[in-house]
């Protein structure tokens, strides 16, 4: 199955997003191992009169640097990184399983459709042969060479073969729909030469 078609499937997309999210969680867990620096500040203006609001005496500000490092929780943080990496391995296994399941489902649908096409081809030949047999038996009956029950039996066989052909055509349509669904849609069947 082509990779582009495979990536259209919703379960594959979901599995890819889960892997990406888990990779991001590993990044967050690793970032907690390092110290963080911050710089916070405030600026304000205060005046009892509106004319004095713009003057330098009416404004004030403060800058506060910050530093945080969970060095005392370093063991817990490294274990969190290992847990997130283990979860990534599990999401990768789930992703691979989704891809393999989608490939298997698509291959089964292709196989079912191909088998139905072969069955239709065989049944078309059978129906054509039955028609010829009915025509020959009818001519022989008109000449008095065969009995009517022989013609009736051949017509019954023709009807049964035609019913089987119609049923196989319906099943082939359902197999094609299943194939289209398993591949995520958005593609066209190549035209068969006449």
N, C-alpha and C. Protein backbone atom coordinates (compact mmCIF):
# COMPACT_ATOMS: atom_id res chain seq x y z
N UNK A 1 0.86 -1.18 0.00
CA UNK A 1 0.00 0.00 0.00
C UNK A 1 0.90 1.23 0.00
N UNK A 2 0.65 2.20 -0.88
CA UNK A 2 1.49 3.41 -0.90
C UNK A 2 1.45 4.15 0.43
N UNK A 3 2.60 4.71 0.78
CA UNK A 3 2.75 5.38 2.07
C UNK A 3 1.80 6.57 2.19
N UNK A 4 1.60 7.32 1.11
CA UNK A 4 0.73 8.48 1.17
C UNK A 4 -0.72 8.08 1.46
N UNK A 5 -1.16 6.98 0.86
CA UNK A 5 -2.51 6.50 1.13
C UNK A 5 -2.63 6.00 2.56
N UNK A 6 -1.59 5.36 3.03
CA UNK A 6 -1.60 4.81 4.38
C UNK A 6 -1.69 5.93 5.42
N UNK A 7 -1.00 7.02 5.17
CA UNK A 7 -0.99 8.12 6.14
C UNK A 7 -2.30 8.88 6.18
N UNK A 8 -3.20 8.65 5.22
CA UNK A 8 -4.51 9.31 5.23
C UNK A 8 -5.46 8.68 6.23
N UNK A 9 -5.20 7.47 6.62
CA UNK A 9 -6.12 6.76 7.50
C UNK A 9 -6.19 7.41 8.87
N UNK A 10 -7.38 7.56 9.43
CA UNK A 10 -7.52 8.24 10.72
C UNK A 10 -6.78 7.57 11.86
N UNK A 11 -6.78 6.24 11.90
CA UNK A 11 -6.09 5.57 13.01
C UNK A 11 -4.57 5.74 12.90
N UNK A 12 -4.05 5.82 11.68
CA UNK A 12 -2.62 6.06 11.51
C UNK A 12 -2.28 7.50 11.91
N UNK A 13 -3.13 8.43 11.51
CA UNK A 13 -2.90 9.84 11.91
C UNK A 13 -2.92 9.98 13.43
N UNK A 14 -3.89 9.33 14.06
CA UNK A 14 -3.97 9.39 15.53
C UNK A 14 -2.71 8.81 16.17
N UNK A 15 -2.25 7.67 15.65
CA UNK A 15 -1.05 7.04 16.20
C UNK A 15 0.17 7.95 16.00
N UNK A 16 0.27 8.61 14.85
CA UNK A 16 1.38 9.54 14.62
C UNK A 16 1.35 10.69 15.61
N UNK A 17 0.16 11.24 15.84
CA UNK A 17 0.02 12.36 16.78
C UNK A 17 0.35 11.91 18.20
N UNK A 18 0.01 10.69 18.56
CA UNK A 18 0.35 10.18 19.89
C UNK A 18 1.86 10.06 20.05
N UNK A 19 2.55 9.62 19.00
CA UNK A 19 4.02 9.53 19.06
C UNK A 19 4.62 10.93 19.20
N UNK A 20 4.11 11.87 18.41
CA UNK A 20 4.62 13.25 18.49
C UNK A 20 4.38 13.86 19.86
N UNK A 21 3.21 13.60 20.43
CA UNK A 21 2.90 14.13 21.77
C UNK A 21 3.81 13.51 22.82
N UNK A 22 4.09 12.24 22.69
CA UNK A 22 4.97 11.57 23.65
C UNK A 22 6.39 12.10 23.54
N UNK A 23 6.85 12.38 22.33
CA UNK A 23 8.18 12.97 22.15
C UNK A 23 8.24 14.34 22.81
N UNK A 24 7.16 15.10 22.68
CA UNK A 24 7.11 16.41 23.34
C UNK A 24 7.14 16.27 24.86
N UNK A 25 6.49 15.26 25.40
CA UNK A 25 6.51 15.04 26.86
C UNK A 25 7.92 14.66 27.34
N UNK A 26 8.67 13.95 26.51
CA UNK A 26 10.07 13.66 26.87
C UNK A 26 10.86 14.95 26.93
N UNK A 27 10.63 15.84 25.98
CA UNK A 27 11.31 17.13 25.99
C UNK A 27 10.99 17.94 27.23
N UNK A 28 9.74 17.92 27.64
CA UNK A 28 9.34 18.63 28.86
C UNK A 28 10.01 18.01 30.08
N UNK A 29 10.05 16.69 30.14
CA UNK A 29 10.67 16.00 31.28
C UNK A 29 12.17 16.30 31.33
N UNK A 30 12.84 16.34 30.18
CA UNK A 30 14.27 16.65 30.17
C UNK A 30 14.53 18.10 30.52
N UNK A 31 13.62 19.00 30.14
CA UNK A 31 13.80 20.41 30.46
C UNK A 31 13.75 20.66 31.97
N UNK A 32 13.02 19.82 32.70
CA UNK A 32 12.94 19.98 34.15
C UNK A 32 14.24 19.62 34.85
N UNK A 33 15.16 18.96 34.15
CA UNK A 33 16.46 18.62 34.75
C UNK A 33 17.37 19.85 34.86
N UNK A 34 17.09 20.88 34.10
CA UNK A 34 17.97 22.04 34.05
C UNK A 34 17.39 23.20 34.85
N UNK A 35 18.26 24.10 35.29
CA UNK A 35 17.76 25.25 36.04
C UNK A 35 16.98 26.20 35.13
N UNK A 36 16.08 26.95 35.73
CA UNK A 36 15.32 27.95 35.00
C UNK A 36 15.62 29.32 35.59
N UNK A 37 15.77 30.26 34.71
CA UNK A 37 16.02 31.65 35.11
C UNK A 37 14.83 32.48 34.66
N UNK A 38 14.46 33.43 35.48
CA UNK A 38 13.35 34.30 35.11
C UNK A 38 13.66 35.73 35.52
N UNK A 39 13.02 36.63 34.87
CA UNK A 39 13.19 38.05 35.15
C UNK A 39 11.79 38.66 35.12
N UNK A 40 11.33 39.11 36.28
CA UNK A 40 10.00 39.69 36.39
C UNK A 40 10.14 41.16 36.71
N UNK A 41 9.26 41.93 36.19
CA UNK A 41 9.33 43.36 36.45
C UNK A 41 7.98 44.03 36.39
N UNK A 42 7.90 45.18 37.03
CA UNK A 42 6.67 45.97 37.00
C UNK A 42 7.04 47.43 36.79
N UNK A 43 6.18 48.13 36.12
CA UNK A 43 6.32 49.59 35.93
C UNK A 43 4.96 50.18 36.23
N UNK A 44 4.94 51.25 37.03
CA UNK A 44 3.67 51.89 37.32
C UNK A 44 3.84 53.40 37.43
N UNK A 45 2.76 54.08 37.19
CA UNK A 45 2.71 55.53 37.33
C UNK A 45 1.65 55.85 38.37
N UNK A 46 2.00 56.80 39.23
CA UNK A 46 1.07 57.18 40.29
C UNK A 46 1.16 58.68 40.52
N UNK A 47 0.01 59.33 40.53
CA UNK A 47 -0.01 60.78 40.76
C UNK A 47 -1.39 61.17 41.25
N UNK A 48 -1.42 62.19 42.11
CA UNK A 48 -2.70 62.68 42.60
C UNK A 48 -3.31 63.69 41.65
N UNK A 49 -2.47 64.22 40.76
CA UNK A 49 -2.98 65.17 39.77
C UNK A 49 -2.62 64.67 38.38
N UNK A 50 -3.48 64.94 37.44
CA UNK A 50 -3.29 64.46 36.08
C UNK A 50 -2.09 65.12 35.40
N UNK A 51 -1.76 66.36 35.74
CA UNK A 51 -0.63 67.05 35.12
C UNK A 51 0.70 66.44 35.55
N UNK A 52 0.79 65.87 36.74
CA UNK A 52 2.04 65.32 37.26
C UNK A 52 2.25 63.84 36.88
N UNK A 53 1.32 63.22 36.13
CA UNK A 53 1.40 61.80 35.80
C UNK A 53 2.60 61.47 34.91
N UNK A 54 2.99 62.38 34.03
CA UNK A 54 4.07 62.10 33.09
C UNK A 54 5.44 62.43 33.68
N UNK A 55 5.52 63.12 34.76
CA UNK A 55 6.81 63.51 35.35
C UNK A 55 7.54 62.30 35.93
N UNK A 56 8.86 62.43 36.04
CA UNK A 56 9.68 61.31 36.48
C UNK A 56 9.44 60.93 37.94
N UNK A 57 8.96 61.79 38.74
CA UNK A 57 8.71 61.47 40.15
C UNK A 57 7.47 60.64 40.37
N UNK A 58 6.61 60.57 39.37
CA UNK A 58 5.36 59.84 39.56
C UNK A 58 5.41 58.40 39.03
N UNK A 59 6.53 57.99 38.46
CA UNK A 59 6.61 56.60 37.99
C UNK A 59 7.56 55.81 38.88
N UNK A 60 7.33 54.50 38.92
CA UNK A 60 8.15 53.62 39.74
C UNK A 60 8.24 52.27 39.04
N UNK A 61 9.20 51.50 39.39
CA UNK A 61 9.35 50.19 38.78
C UNK A 61 10.17 49.27 39.65
N UNK A 62 10.07 48.00 39.36
CA UNK A 62 10.84 47.01 40.11
C UNK A 62 11.20 45.87 39.17
N UNK A 63 12.39 45.35 39.32
CA UNK A 63 12.85 44.19 38.56
C UNK A 63 13.30 43.14 39.56
N UNK A 64 12.76 41.91 39.39
CA UNK A 64 13.08 40.84 40.32
C UNK A 64 13.60 39.65 39.52
N UNK A 65 14.86 39.30 39.69
CA UNK A 65 15.36 38.10 39.00
C UNK A 65 14.94 36.84 39.77
N UNK A 66 14.82 35.74 39.03
CA UNK A 66 14.44 34.50 39.67
C UNK A 66 15.31 33.35 39.17
N UNK A 67 15.45 32.36 40.03
CA UNK A 67 16.24 31.18 39.71
C UNK A 67 15.58 29.99 40.40
N UNK A 68 15.40 28.88 39.64
CA UNK A 68 14.80 27.69 40.22
C UNK A 68 15.49 26.47 39.63
N UNK A 69 15.84 25.54 40.51
CA UNK A 69 16.46 24.29 40.07
C UNK A 69 16.07 23.22 41.07
N UNK A 70 15.43 22.19 40.59
CA UNK A 70 14.99 21.11 41.47
C UNK A 70 16.10 20.08 41.64
N UNK A 71 17.22 20.52 42.15
CA UNK A 71 18.37 19.63 42.31
C UNK A 71 18.09 18.55 43.36
N UNK A 72 17.27 18.88 44.34
CA UNK A 72 16.96 17.89 45.37
C UNK A 72 16.02 16.79 44.86
N UNK A 73 15.31 17.07 43.80
CA UNK A 73 14.40 16.09 43.19
C UNK A 73 14.99 15.49 41.91
N UNK A 74 16.31 15.52 41.80
CA UNK A 74 16.95 15.10 40.56
C UNK A 74 16.67 13.63 40.24
N UNK A 75 16.63 12.77 41.20
CA UNK A 75 16.33 11.35 40.99
C UNK A 75 14.92 11.15 40.46
N UNK A 76 13.97 11.87 41.03
CA UNK A 76 12.59 11.77 40.57
C UNK A 76 12.47 12.29 39.14
N UNK A 77 13.20 13.36 38.84
CA UNK A 77 13.14 13.94 37.49
C UNK A 77 13.77 13.00 36.45
N UNK A 78 14.89 12.37 36.78
CA UNK A 78 15.50 11.43 35.83
C UNK A 78 14.62 10.20 35.63
N UNK A 79 13.97 9.76 36.72
CA UNK A 79 13.03 8.65 36.58
C UNK A 79 11.84 9.03 35.70
N UNK A 80 11.39 10.28 35.79
CA UNK A 80 10.30 10.75 34.95
C UNK A 80 10.71 10.72 33.47
N UNK A 81 11.97 11.08 33.19
CA UNK A 81 12.46 11.01 31.81
C UNK A 81 12.43 9.56 31.31
N UNK A 82 12.88 8.64 32.16
CA UNK A 82 12.87 7.22 31.78
C UNK A 82 11.45 6.70 31.57
N UNK A 83 10.52 7.14 32.41
CA UNK A 83 9.12 6.74 32.26
C UNK A 83 8.57 7.25 30.93
N UNK A 84 8.86 8.50 30.60
CA UNK A 84 8.37 9.07 29.34
C UNK A 84 9.00 8.36 28.14
N UNK A 85 10.27 7.99 28.24
CA UNK A 85 10.91 7.26 27.14
C UNK A 85 10.31 5.86 26.97
N UNK A 86 9.96 5.22 28.10
CA UNK A 86 9.31 3.92 28.04
C UNK A 86 7.92 4.05 27.40
N UNK A 87 7.21 5.10 27.75
CA UNK A 87 5.90 5.34 27.14
C UNK A 87 6.04 5.60 25.64
N UNK A 88 7.13 6.25 25.24
CA UNK A 88 7.38 6.47 23.81
C UNK A 88 7.55 5.14 23.09
N UNK A 89 8.29 4.23 23.72
CA UNK A 89 8.47 2.90 23.11
C UNK A 89 7.11 2.22 22.92
N UNK A 90 6.24 2.34 23.92
CA UNK A 90 4.92 1.73 23.81
C UNK A 90 4.10 2.39 22.70
N UNK A 91 4.15 3.71 22.60
CA UNK A 91 3.39 4.38 21.54
C UNK A 91 3.96 4.04 20.16
N UNK A 92 5.27 3.81 20.08
CA UNK A 92 5.85 3.37 18.81
C UNK A 92 5.38 1.97 18.44
N UNK A 93 5.27 1.10 19.44
CA UNK A 93 4.74 -0.24 19.19
C UNK A 93 3.29 -0.15 18.71
N UNK A 94 2.50 0.71 19.35
CA UNK A 94 1.11 0.90 18.94
C UNK A 94 1.03 1.46 17.51
N UNK A 95 1.94 2.38 17.19
CA UNK A 95 1.98 2.95 15.83
C UNK A 95 2.30 1.86 14.80
N UNK A 96 3.31 1.06 15.08
CA UNK A 96 3.66 -0.02 14.16
C UNK A 96 2.51 -1.01 14.00
N UNK A 97 1.85 -1.31 15.11
CA UNK A 97 0.70 -2.20 15.05
C UNK A 97 -0.42 -1.61 14.18
N UNK A 98 -0.66 -0.32 14.32
CA UNK A 98 -1.69 0.34 13.50
C UNK A 98 -1.34 0.27 12.03
N UNK A 99 -0.06 0.49 11.71
CA UNK A 99 0.37 0.45 10.30
C UNK A 99 0.22 -0.96 9.75
N UNK A 100 0.66 -1.95 10.51
CA UNK A 100 0.55 -3.33 10.05
C UNK A 100 -0.91 -3.76 9.90
N UNK A 101 -1.75 -3.36 10.83
CA UNK A 101 -3.17 -3.70 10.75
C UNK A 101 -3.81 -3.05 9.52
N UNK A 102 -3.45 -1.79 9.26
CA UNK A 102 -3.99 -1.11 8.08
C UNK A 102 -3.52 -1.77 6.79
N UNK A 103 -2.24 -2.15 6.75
CA UNK A 103 -1.72 -2.85 5.57
C UNK A 103 -2.42 -4.19 5.37
N UNK A 104 -2.62 -4.92 6.45
CA UNK A 104 -3.29 -6.22 6.36
C UNK A 104 -4.72 -6.04 5.88
N UNK A 105 -5.41 -5.07 6.45
CA UNK A 105 -6.80 -4.84 6.06
C UNK A 105 -6.89 -4.43 4.59
N UNK A 106 -5.98 -3.58 4.15
CA UNK A 106 -5.98 -3.17 2.73
C UNK A 106 -5.65 -4.34 1.82
N UNK A 107 -4.68 -5.16 2.22
CA UNK A 107 -4.32 -6.32 1.39
C UNK A 107 -5.48 -7.31 1.32
N UNK A 108 -6.17 -7.51 2.43
CA UNK A 108 -7.33 -8.40 2.42
C UNK A 108 -8.44 -7.85 1.51
N UNK A 109 -8.65 -6.55 1.57
CA UNK A 109 -9.68 -5.94 0.73
C UNK A 109 -9.31 -6.04 -0.75
N UNK A 110 -8.03 -5.82 -1.07
CA UNK A 110 -7.58 -5.97 -2.46
C UNK A 110 -7.75 -7.40 -2.94
N UNK A 111 -7.39 -8.33 -2.10
CA UNK A 111 -7.51 -9.74 -2.46
C UNK A 111 -8.97 -10.13 -2.67
N UNK A 112 -9.85 -9.68 -1.79
CA UNK A 112 -11.27 -10.00 -1.92
C UNK A 112 -11.83 -9.41 -3.21
N UNK A 113 -11.43 -8.18 -3.53
CA UNK A 113 -11.92 -7.55 -4.76
C UNK A 113 -11.40 -8.29 -5.99
N UNK A 114 -10.13 -8.67 -5.97
CA UNK A 114 -9.56 -9.40 -7.12
C UNK A 114 -10.25 -10.75 -7.29
N UNK A 115 -10.52 -11.44 -6.18
CA UNK A 115 -11.20 -12.75 -6.27
C UNK A 115 -12.61 -12.59 -6.82
N UNK A 116 -13.30 -11.55 -6.41
CA UNK A 116 -14.65 -11.32 -6.93
C UNK A 116 -14.60 -11.01 -8.43
N UNK A 117 -13.58 -10.28 -8.86
CA UNK A 117 -13.45 -10.00 -10.29
C UNK A 117 -13.22 -11.29 -11.08
N UNK A 118 -12.40 -12.18 -10.54
CA UNK A 118 -12.17 -13.48 -11.19
C UNK A 118 -13.46 -14.30 -11.23
N UNK A 119 -14.20 -14.27 -10.12
CA UNK A 119 -15.45 -15.01 -10.06
C UNK A 119 -16.44 -14.46 -11.08
N UNK A 120 -16.51 -13.16 -11.23
CA UNK A 120 -17.41 -12.55 -12.21
C UNK A 120 -17.02 -12.98 -13.62
N UNK A 121 -15.74 -12.96 -13.90
CA UNK A 121 -15.28 -13.39 -15.22
C UNK A 121 -15.68 -14.82 -15.51
N UNK A 122 -15.50 -15.70 -14.55
CA UNK A 122 -15.87 -17.11 -14.70
C UNK A 122 -17.39 -17.24 -14.88
N UNK A 123 -18.16 -16.52 -14.08
CA UNK A 123 -19.62 -16.61 -14.16
C UNK A 123 -20.14 -16.05 -15.49
N UNK A 124 -19.49 -15.02 -16.02
CA UNK A 124 -19.91 -14.49 -17.33
C UNK A 124 -19.75 -15.57 -18.41
N UNK A 125 -18.64 -16.27 -18.35
CA UNK A 125 -18.42 -17.36 -19.31
C UNK A 125 -19.47 -18.46 -19.12
N UNK A 126 -19.79 -18.76 -17.88
CA UNK A 126 -20.77 -19.80 -17.59
C UNK A 126 -22.16 -19.39 -18.10
N UNK A 127 -22.53 -18.13 -17.86
CA UNK A 127 -23.83 -17.64 -18.32
C UNK A 127 -23.90 -17.68 -19.85
N UNK A 128 -22.83 -17.26 -20.50
CA UNK A 128 -22.80 -17.29 -21.97
C UNK A 128 -22.92 -18.72 -22.49
N UNK A 129 -22.23 -19.64 -21.86
CA UNK A 129 -22.34 -21.05 -22.26
C UNK A 129 -23.75 -21.58 -22.02
N UNK A 130 -24.37 -21.19 -20.91
CA UNK A 130 -25.73 -21.62 -20.62
C UNK A 130 -26.72 -21.07 -21.64
N UNK A 131 -26.52 -19.81 -22.05
CA UNK A 131 -27.38 -19.21 -23.08
C UNK A 131 -27.29 -19.99 -24.39
N UNK A 132 -26.05 -20.31 -24.77
CA UNK A 132 -25.86 -21.08 -26.01
C UNK A 132 -26.52 -22.45 -25.90
N UNK A 133 -26.40 -23.07 -24.72
CA UNK A 133 -27.01 -24.38 -24.53
C UNK A 133 -28.54 -24.29 -24.62
N UNK A 134 -29.12 -23.22 -24.05
CA UNK A 134 -30.57 -23.03 -24.12
C UNK A 134 -31.00 -22.82 -25.56
N UNK A 135 -30.23 -22.01 -26.31
CA UNK A 135 -30.58 -21.77 -27.71
C UNK A 135 -30.51 -23.05 -28.52
N UNK A 136 -29.47 -23.84 -28.33
CA UNK A 136 -29.34 -25.11 -29.06
C UNK A 136 -30.45 -26.08 -28.69
N UNK A 137 -30.72 -26.17 -27.37
CA UNK A 137 -31.77 -27.09 -26.93
C UNK A 137 -33.14 -26.66 -27.45
N UNK A 138 -33.39 -25.33 -27.52
CA UNK A 138 -34.65 -24.84 -28.05
C UNK A 138 -34.80 -25.21 -29.53
N UNK A 139 -33.75 -25.04 -30.29
CA UNK A 139 -33.78 -25.41 -31.71
C UNK A 139 -34.00 -26.92 -31.88
N UNK A 140 -33.33 -27.71 -31.03
CA UNK A 140 -33.50 -29.16 -31.11
C UNK A 140 -34.91 -29.57 -30.69
N UNK A 141 -35.47 -28.85 -29.71
CA UNK A 141 -36.85 -29.14 -29.29
C UNK A 141 -37.83 -28.84 -30.42
N UNK A 142 -37.59 -27.70 -31.11
CA UNK A 142 -38.46 -27.34 -32.22
C UNK A 142 -38.41 -28.38 -33.34
N UNK A 143 -37.26 -29.04 -33.46
CA UNK A 143 -37.11 -30.08 -34.48
C UNK A 143 -37.56 -31.45 -33.96
N UNK A 144 -37.89 -31.51 -32.68
CA UNK A 144 -38.37 -32.75 -32.10
C UNK A 144 -37.27 -33.69 -31.65
N UNK A 145 -36.07 -33.21 -31.49
CA UNK A 145 -34.95 -34.08 -31.12
C UNK A 145 -34.77 -34.22 -29.61
N UNK A 146 -35.22 -33.23 -28.81
CA UNK A 146 -35.12 -33.31 -27.35
C UNK A 146 -36.49 -33.02 -26.74
N UNK A 147 -36.64 -33.42 -25.48
CA UNK A 147 -37.90 -33.19 -24.80
C UNK A 147 -37.93 -31.80 -24.17
N UNK A 148 -39.11 -31.36 -23.81
CA UNK A 148 -39.29 -30.03 -23.23
C UNK A 148 -38.64 -29.91 -21.86
N UNK A 149 -38.63 -31.00 -21.09
CA UNK A 149 -38.01 -30.92 -19.76
C UNK A 149 -36.52 -30.63 -19.84
N UNK A 150 -35.88 -31.05 -20.90
CA UNK A 150 -34.44 -30.74 -21.08
C UNK A 150 -34.26 -29.22 -21.29
N UNK A 151 -35.09 -28.61 -22.09
CA UNK A 151 -35.04 -27.15 -22.32
C UNK A 151 -35.34 -26.41 -21.03
N UNK A 152 -36.34 -26.90 -20.29
CA UNK A 152 -36.69 -26.27 -19.02
C UNK A 152 -35.55 -26.35 -18.02
N UNK A 153 -34.89 -27.50 -17.94
CA UNK A 153 -33.75 -27.65 -17.03
C UNK A 153 -32.61 -26.70 -17.40
N UNK A 154 -32.36 -26.56 -18.70
CA UNK A 154 -31.28 -25.66 -19.13
C UNK A 154 -31.64 -24.20 -18.85
N UNK A 155 -32.91 -23.85 -19.01
CA UNK A 155 -33.33 -22.47 -18.69
C UNK A 155 -33.22 -22.21 -17.17
N UNK A 156 -33.54 -23.20 -16.37
CA UNK A 156 -33.40 -23.07 -14.91
C UNK A 156 -31.93 -22.88 -14.55
N UNK A 157 -31.05 -23.64 -15.18
CA UNK A 157 -29.61 -23.47 -14.95
C UNK A 157 -29.15 -22.07 -15.36
N UNK A 158 -29.67 -21.58 -16.50
CA UNK A 158 -29.31 -20.23 -16.96
C UNK A 158 -29.74 -19.18 -15.94
N UNK A 159 -30.95 -19.33 -15.42
CA UNK A 159 -31.45 -18.37 -14.42
C UNK A 159 -30.58 -18.43 -13.16
N UNK A 160 -30.22 -19.63 -12.73
CA UNK A 160 -29.38 -19.76 -11.54
C UNK A 160 -27.99 -19.15 -11.77
N UNK A 161 -27.43 -19.38 -12.93
CA UNK A 161 -26.11 -18.82 -13.25
C UNK A 161 -26.18 -17.29 -13.35
N UNK A 162 -27.25 -16.76 -13.92
CA UNK A 162 -27.43 -15.30 -14.01
C UNK A 162 -27.59 -14.71 -12.61
N UNK A 163 -28.36 -15.37 -11.76
CA UNK A 163 -28.49 -14.90 -10.37
C UNK A 163 -27.15 -14.90 -9.65
N UNK A 164 -26.37 -15.95 -9.87
CA UNK A 164 -25.05 -16.01 -9.24
C UNK A 164 -24.15 -14.89 -9.75
N UNK A 165 -24.26 -14.56 -11.04
CA UNK A 165 -23.47 -13.47 -11.61
C UNK A 165 -23.86 -12.13 -11.00
N UNK A 166 -25.16 -11.90 -10.89
CA UNK A 166 -25.63 -10.64 -10.29
C UNK A 166 -25.20 -10.54 -8.84
N UNK A 167 -25.30 -11.64 -8.11
CA UNK A 167 -24.87 -11.66 -6.71
C UNK A 167 -23.38 -11.39 -6.59
N UNK A 168 -22.58 -12.00 -7.46
CA UNK A 168 -21.13 -11.78 -7.44
C UNK A 168 -20.80 -10.33 -7.78
N UNK A 169 -21.56 -9.74 -8.72
CA UNK A 169 -21.32 -8.33 -9.06
C UNK A 169 -21.62 -7.43 -7.86
N UNK A 170 -22.68 -7.74 -7.12
CA UNK A 170 -22.98 -6.97 -5.90
C UNK A 170 -21.90 -7.13 -4.85
N UNK A 171 -21.42 -8.36 -4.68
CA UNK A 171 -20.35 -8.60 -3.71
C UNK A 171 -19.06 -7.91 -4.13
N UNK A 172 -18.81 -7.85 -5.45
CA UNK A 172 -17.61 -7.14 -5.94
C UNK A 172 -17.72 -5.65 -5.65
N UNK A 173 -18.93 -5.11 -5.79
CA UNK A 173 -19.13 -3.69 -5.46
C UNK A 173 -18.88 -3.44 -3.98
N UNK A 174 -19.38 -4.34 -3.14
CA UNK A 174 -19.13 -4.20 -1.70
C UNK A 174 -17.65 -4.34 -1.37
N UNK A 175 -16.96 -5.25 -2.08
CA UNK A 175 -15.51 -5.41 -1.86
C UNK A 175 -14.76 -4.16 -2.29
N UNK A 176 -15.22 -3.54 -3.39
CA UNK A 176 -14.58 -2.30 -3.84
C UNK A 176 -14.81 -1.17 -2.83
N UNK A 177 -16.01 -1.11 -2.28
CA UNK A 177 -16.29 -0.09 -1.25
C UNK A 177 -15.40 -0.32 -0.03
N UNK A 178 -15.27 -1.56 0.37
CA UNK A 178 -14.40 -1.89 1.52
C UNK A 178 -12.95 -1.52 1.22
N UNK A 179 -12.50 -1.81 0.00
CA UNK A 179 -11.15 -1.44 -0.40
C UNK A 179 -10.96 0.07 -0.37
N UNK A 180 -11.92 0.78 -0.91
CA UNK A 180 -11.86 2.25 -0.92
C UNK A 180 -11.82 2.78 0.51
N UNK A 181 -12.62 2.18 1.37
CA UNK A 181 -12.67 2.62 2.78
C UNK A 181 -11.36 2.32 3.50
N UNK A 182 -10.78 1.14 3.27
CA UNK A 182 -9.54 0.80 3.98
C UNK A 182 -8.36 1.64 3.52
N UNK A 183 -8.43 2.16 2.30
CA UNK A 183 -7.34 2.99 1.80
C UNK A 183 -7.56 4.47 2.10
N UNK A 184 -8.63 4.80 2.78
CA UNK A 184 -8.84 6.18 3.17
C UNK A 184 -9.49 7.04 2.12
N UNK A 185 -9.85 6.49 0.98
CA UNK A 185 -10.51 7.27 -0.07
C UNK A 185 -9.55 8.24 -0.74
N UNK A 186 -10.08 9.03 -1.65
CA UNK A 186 -9.29 10.06 -2.31
C UNK A 186 -8.45 9.57 -3.47
N UNK A 187 -8.72 8.40 -4.00
CA UNK A 187 -7.98 7.90 -5.14
C UNK A 187 -8.98 7.39 -6.17
N UNK A 188 -8.51 7.18 -7.37
CA UNK A 188 -9.40 6.70 -8.42
C UNK A 188 -8.86 5.40 -8.98
N UNK A 189 -9.78 4.57 -9.44
CA UNK A 189 -9.39 3.30 -10.05
C UNK A 189 -8.90 3.58 -11.46
N UNK A 190 -7.84 2.91 -11.91
CA UNK A 190 -7.42 3.08 -13.30
C UNK A 190 -8.46 2.47 -14.24
N UNK A 191 -8.66 3.12 -15.38
CA UNK A 191 -9.63 2.62 -16.34
C UNK A 191 -9.09 1.38 -17.03
N UNK A 192 -9.95 0.41 -17.18
CA UNK A 192 -9.55 -0.81 -17.86
C UNK A 192 -9.70 -0.61 -19.35
N UNK A 193 -8.76 -1.18 -20.10
CA UNK A 193 -8.85 -1.04 -21.54
C UNK A 193 -10.01 -1.88 -22.06
N UNK A 194 -10.62 -1.41 -23.12
CA UNK A 194 -11.80 -2.08 -23.68
C UNK A 194 -11.40 -3.40 -24.29
